[in-house]
């Protein structure tokens, strides 16, 4: 937009401009969709291994790392397991733990 407003960027047709604009805005969509997918994850009836794999897949490209990722993972875990994790002396610091 700065280049366009400054006059250093020009488009021969409106369609070219709109395509370029869409490409710029779509860059954030992948990350946003990954975050939404991560936040929707629920352990449910899946095995813990299935839930871990699904969480890792959703986390890739989400921008979530370390504590935010661990918190989302814990939020999605089956409530019984989550309660047990709260009671442990040393809280897990990674999905593997």
C-alpha atoms as a PDB file:
ATOM      1  CA  UNK A   1       0.000   0.000   0.000  1.00  0.00           C
ATOM      2  CA  UNK A   2       2.845   2.393   0.816  1.00  0.00           C
ATOM      3  CA  UNK A   3       4.339   1.859  -2.642  1.00  0.00           C
ATOM      4  CA  UNK A   4       0.969   2.414  -4.267  1.00  0.00           C
ATOM      5  CA  UNK A   5       0.253   5.566  -2.253  1.00  0.00           C
ATOM      6  CA  UNK A   6       3.755   6.880  -2.902  1.00  0.00           C
ATOM      7  CA  UNK A   7       3.333   6.461  -6.628  1.00  0.00           C
ATOM      8  CA  UNK A   8       6.219   4.005  -6.987  1.00  0.00           C
ATOM      9  CA  UNK A   9       3.909   1.123  -7.820  1.00  0.00           C
ATOM     10  CA  UNK A  10       1.399   1.095 -10.626  1.00  0.00           C
ATOM     11  CA  UNK A  11      -0.996  -1.462 -12.053  1.00  0.00           C
ATOM     12  CA  UNK A  12      -2.096  -1.685 -15.664  1.00  0.00           C
ATOM     13  CA  UNK A  13      -5.455  -3.198 -14.716  1.00  0.00           C
ATOM     14  CA  UNK A  14      -7.602  -3.281 -11.613  1.00  0.00           C
ATOM     15  CA  UNK A  15      -7.647  -7.098 -11.654  1.00  0.00           C
ATOM     16  CA  UNK A  16      -3.878  -7.201 -11.265  1.00  0.00           C
ATOM     17  CA  UNK A  17      -4.110  -4.890  -8.251  1.00  0.00           C
ATOM     18  CA  UNK A  18      -6.880  -6.952  -6.657  1.00  0.00           C
ATOM     19  CA  UNK A  19      -4.952 -10.191  -7.209  1.00  0.00           C
ATOM     20  CA  UNK A  20      -1.857  -8.671  -5.580  1.00  0.00           C
ATOM     21  CA  UNK A  21      -3.941  -7.360  -2.681  1.00  0.00           C
ATOM     22  CA  UNK A  22      -5.554 -10.767  -2.141  1.00  0.00           C
ATOM     23  CA  UNK A  23      -2.141 -12.475  -2.160  1.00  0.00           C
ATOM     24  CA  UNK A  24      -0.880 -10.098   0.523  1.00  0.00           C
ATOM     25  CA  UNK A  25      -3.884 -10.653   2.781  1.00  0.00           C
ATOM     26  CA  UNK A  26      -3.925 -14.423   2.242  1.00  0.00           C
ATOM     27  CA  UNK A  27      -0.416 -14.734   3.702  1.00  0.00           C
ATOM     28  CA  UNK A  28      -1.838 -14.388   7.217  1.00  0.00           C
ATOM     29  CA  UNK A  29      -4.765 -16.713   6.580  1.00  0.00           C
ATOM     30  CA  UNK A  30      -2.728 -19.914   6.832  1.00  0.00           C
ATOM     31  CA  UNK A  31      -1.394 -18.924  10.237  1.00  0.00           C
ATOM     32  CA  UNK A  32      -4.828 -17.806  11.409  1.00  0.00           C
ATOM     33  CA  UNK A  33      -6.411 -21.066  10.284  1.00  0.00           C
ATOM     34  CA  UNK A  34      -3.727 -23.067  12.114  1.00  0.00           C
ATOM     35  CA  UNK A  35      -4.391 -21.117  15.325  1.00  0.00           C
ATOM     36  CA  UNK A  36      -8.152 -21.689  14.984  1.00  0.00           C
ATOM     37  CA  UNK A  37      -7.558 -25.397  14.347  1.00  0.00           C
ATOM     38  CA  UNK A  38      -5.272 -25.607  17.400  1.00  0.00           C
ATOM     39  CA  UNK A  39      -7.824 -23.866  19.608  1.00  0.00           C
ATOM     40  CA  UNK A  40     -10.603 -26.225  18.469  1.00  0.00           C
ATOM     41  CA  UNK A  41      -8.673 -29.413  19.248  1.00  0.00           C
ATOM     42  CA  UNK A  42     -10.265 -31.666  21.822  1.00  0.00           C
ATOM     43  CA  UNK A  43      -8.892 -34.951  23.130  1.00  0.00           C
ATOM     44  CA  UNK A  44     -12.332 -36.568  23.247  1.00  0.00           C
ATOM     45  CA  UNK A  45     -12.263 -40.294  22.555  1.00  0.00           C
ATOM     46  CA  UNK A  46      -8.898 -40.253  20.766  1.00  0.00           C
ATOM     47  CA  UNK A  47      -5.907 -41.998  22.255  1.00  0.00           C
ATOM     48  CA  UNK A  48      -3.322 -39.705  23.799  1.00  0.00           C
ATOM     49  CA  UNK A  49      -0.922 -40.553  20.942  1.00  0.00           C
ATOM     50  CA  UNK A  50      -3.559 -39.542  18.356  1.00  0.00           C
ATOM     51  CA  UNK A  51      -4.231 -36.301  20.216  1.00  0.00           C
ATOM     52  CA  UNK A  52      -0.504 -35.534  20.434  1.00  0.00           C
ATOM     53  CA  UNK A  53      -0.028 -36.122  16.708  1.00  0.00           C
ATOM     54  CA  UNK A  54      -3.066 -33.983  15.853  1.00  0.00           C
ATOM     55  CA  UNK A  55      -1.776 -31.220  18.153  1.00  0.00           C
ATOM     56  CA  UNK A  56       1.673 -31.270  16.587  1.00  0.00           C
ATOM     57  CA  UNK A  57       0.209 -31.099  13.092  1.00  0.00           C
ATOM     58  CA  UNK A  58      -2.016 -28.141  14.021  1.00  0.00           C
ATOM     59  CA  UNK A  59       0.837 -26.388  15.851  1.00  0.00           C
ATOM     60  CA  UNK A  60       3.061 -26.404  12.753  1.00  0.00           C
ATOM     61  CA  UNK A  61       2.687 -23.012  11.138  1.00  0.00           C
ATOM     62  CA  UNK A  62       0.536 -21.580  13.947  1.00  0.00           C
ATOM     63  CA  UNK A  63       3.306 -19.454  15.415  1.00  0.00           C
ATOM     64  CA  UNK A  64       2.575 -20.954  18.844  1.00  0.00           C
ATOM     65  CA  UNK A  65       5.641 -22.133  20.749  1.00  0.00           C
ATOM     66  CA  UNK A  66       6.557 -23.054  24.292  1.00  0.00           C
ATOM     67  CA  UNK A  67       4.059 -21.876  26.935  1.00  0.00           C
ATOM     68  CA  UNK A  68       1.206 -20.772  24.648  1.00  0.00           C
ATOM     69  CA  UNK A  69       1.447 -24.097  22.813  1.00  0.00           C
ATOM     70  CA  UNK A  70       1.552 -26.087  26.054  1.00  0.00           C
ATOM     71  CA  UNK A  71      -1.453 -24.177  27.400  1.00  0.00           C
ATOM     72  CA  UNK A  72      -3.490 -24.922  24.259  1.00  0.00           C
ATOM     73  CA  UNK A  73      -2.470 -28.565  24.479  1.00  0.00           C
ATOM     74  CA  UNK A  74      -3.513 -28.791  28.150  1.00  0.00           C
ATOM     75  CA  UNK A  75      -6.803 -27.035  27.399  1.00  0.00           C
ATOM     76  CA  UNK A  76      -7.709 -29.714  24.851  1.00  0.00           C
ATOM     77  CA  UNK A  77      -6.770 -32.709  26.994  1.00  0.00           C
ATOM     78  CA  UNK A  78      -9.448 -34.924  28.467  1.00  0.00           C
ATOM     79  CA  UNK A  79     -10.632 -33.375  31.755  1.00  0.00           C
ATOM     80  CA  UNK A  80      -9.667 -36.403  33.883  1.00  0.00           C
ATOM     81  CA  UNK A  81      -6.086 -36.314  32.585  1.00  0.00           C
ATOM     82  CA  UNK A  82      -5.949 -32.517  32.916  1.00  0.00           C
ATOM     83  CA  UNK A  83      -6.920 -32.786  36.611  1.00  0.00           C
ATOM     84  CA  UNK A  84      -4.166 -35.344  37.181  1.00  0.00           C
ATOM     85  CA  UNK A  85      -1.621 -33.047  35.523  1.00  0.00           C
ATOM     86  CA  UNK A  86      -2.607 -30.222  37.857  1.00  0.00           C
ATOM     87  CA  UNK A  87      -1.865 -32.428  40.869  1.00  0.00           C
ATOM     88  CA  UNK A  88       1.604 -33.588  39.828  1.00  0.00           C
ATOM     89  CA  UNK A  89       4.553 -32.151  41.702  1.00  0.00           C
ATOM     90  CA  UNK A  90       6.509 -31.135  38.585  1.00  0.00           C
ATOM     91  CA  UNK A  91       4.346 -29.756  35.813  1.00  0.00           C
ATOM     92  CA  UNK A  92       5.216 -31.049  32.308  1.00  0.00           C
ATOM     93  CA  UNK A  93       7.176 -28.543  30.241  1.00  0.00           C
ATOM     94  CA  UNK A  94       6.623 -30.163  26.859  1.00  0.00           C
ATOM     95  CA  UNK A  95       4.064 -32.279  25.027  1.00  0.00           C
ATOM     96  CA  UNK A  96       6.376 -35.298  25.341  1.00  0.00           C
ATOM     97  CA  UNK A  97       6.481 -34.945  29.113  1.00  0.00           C
END
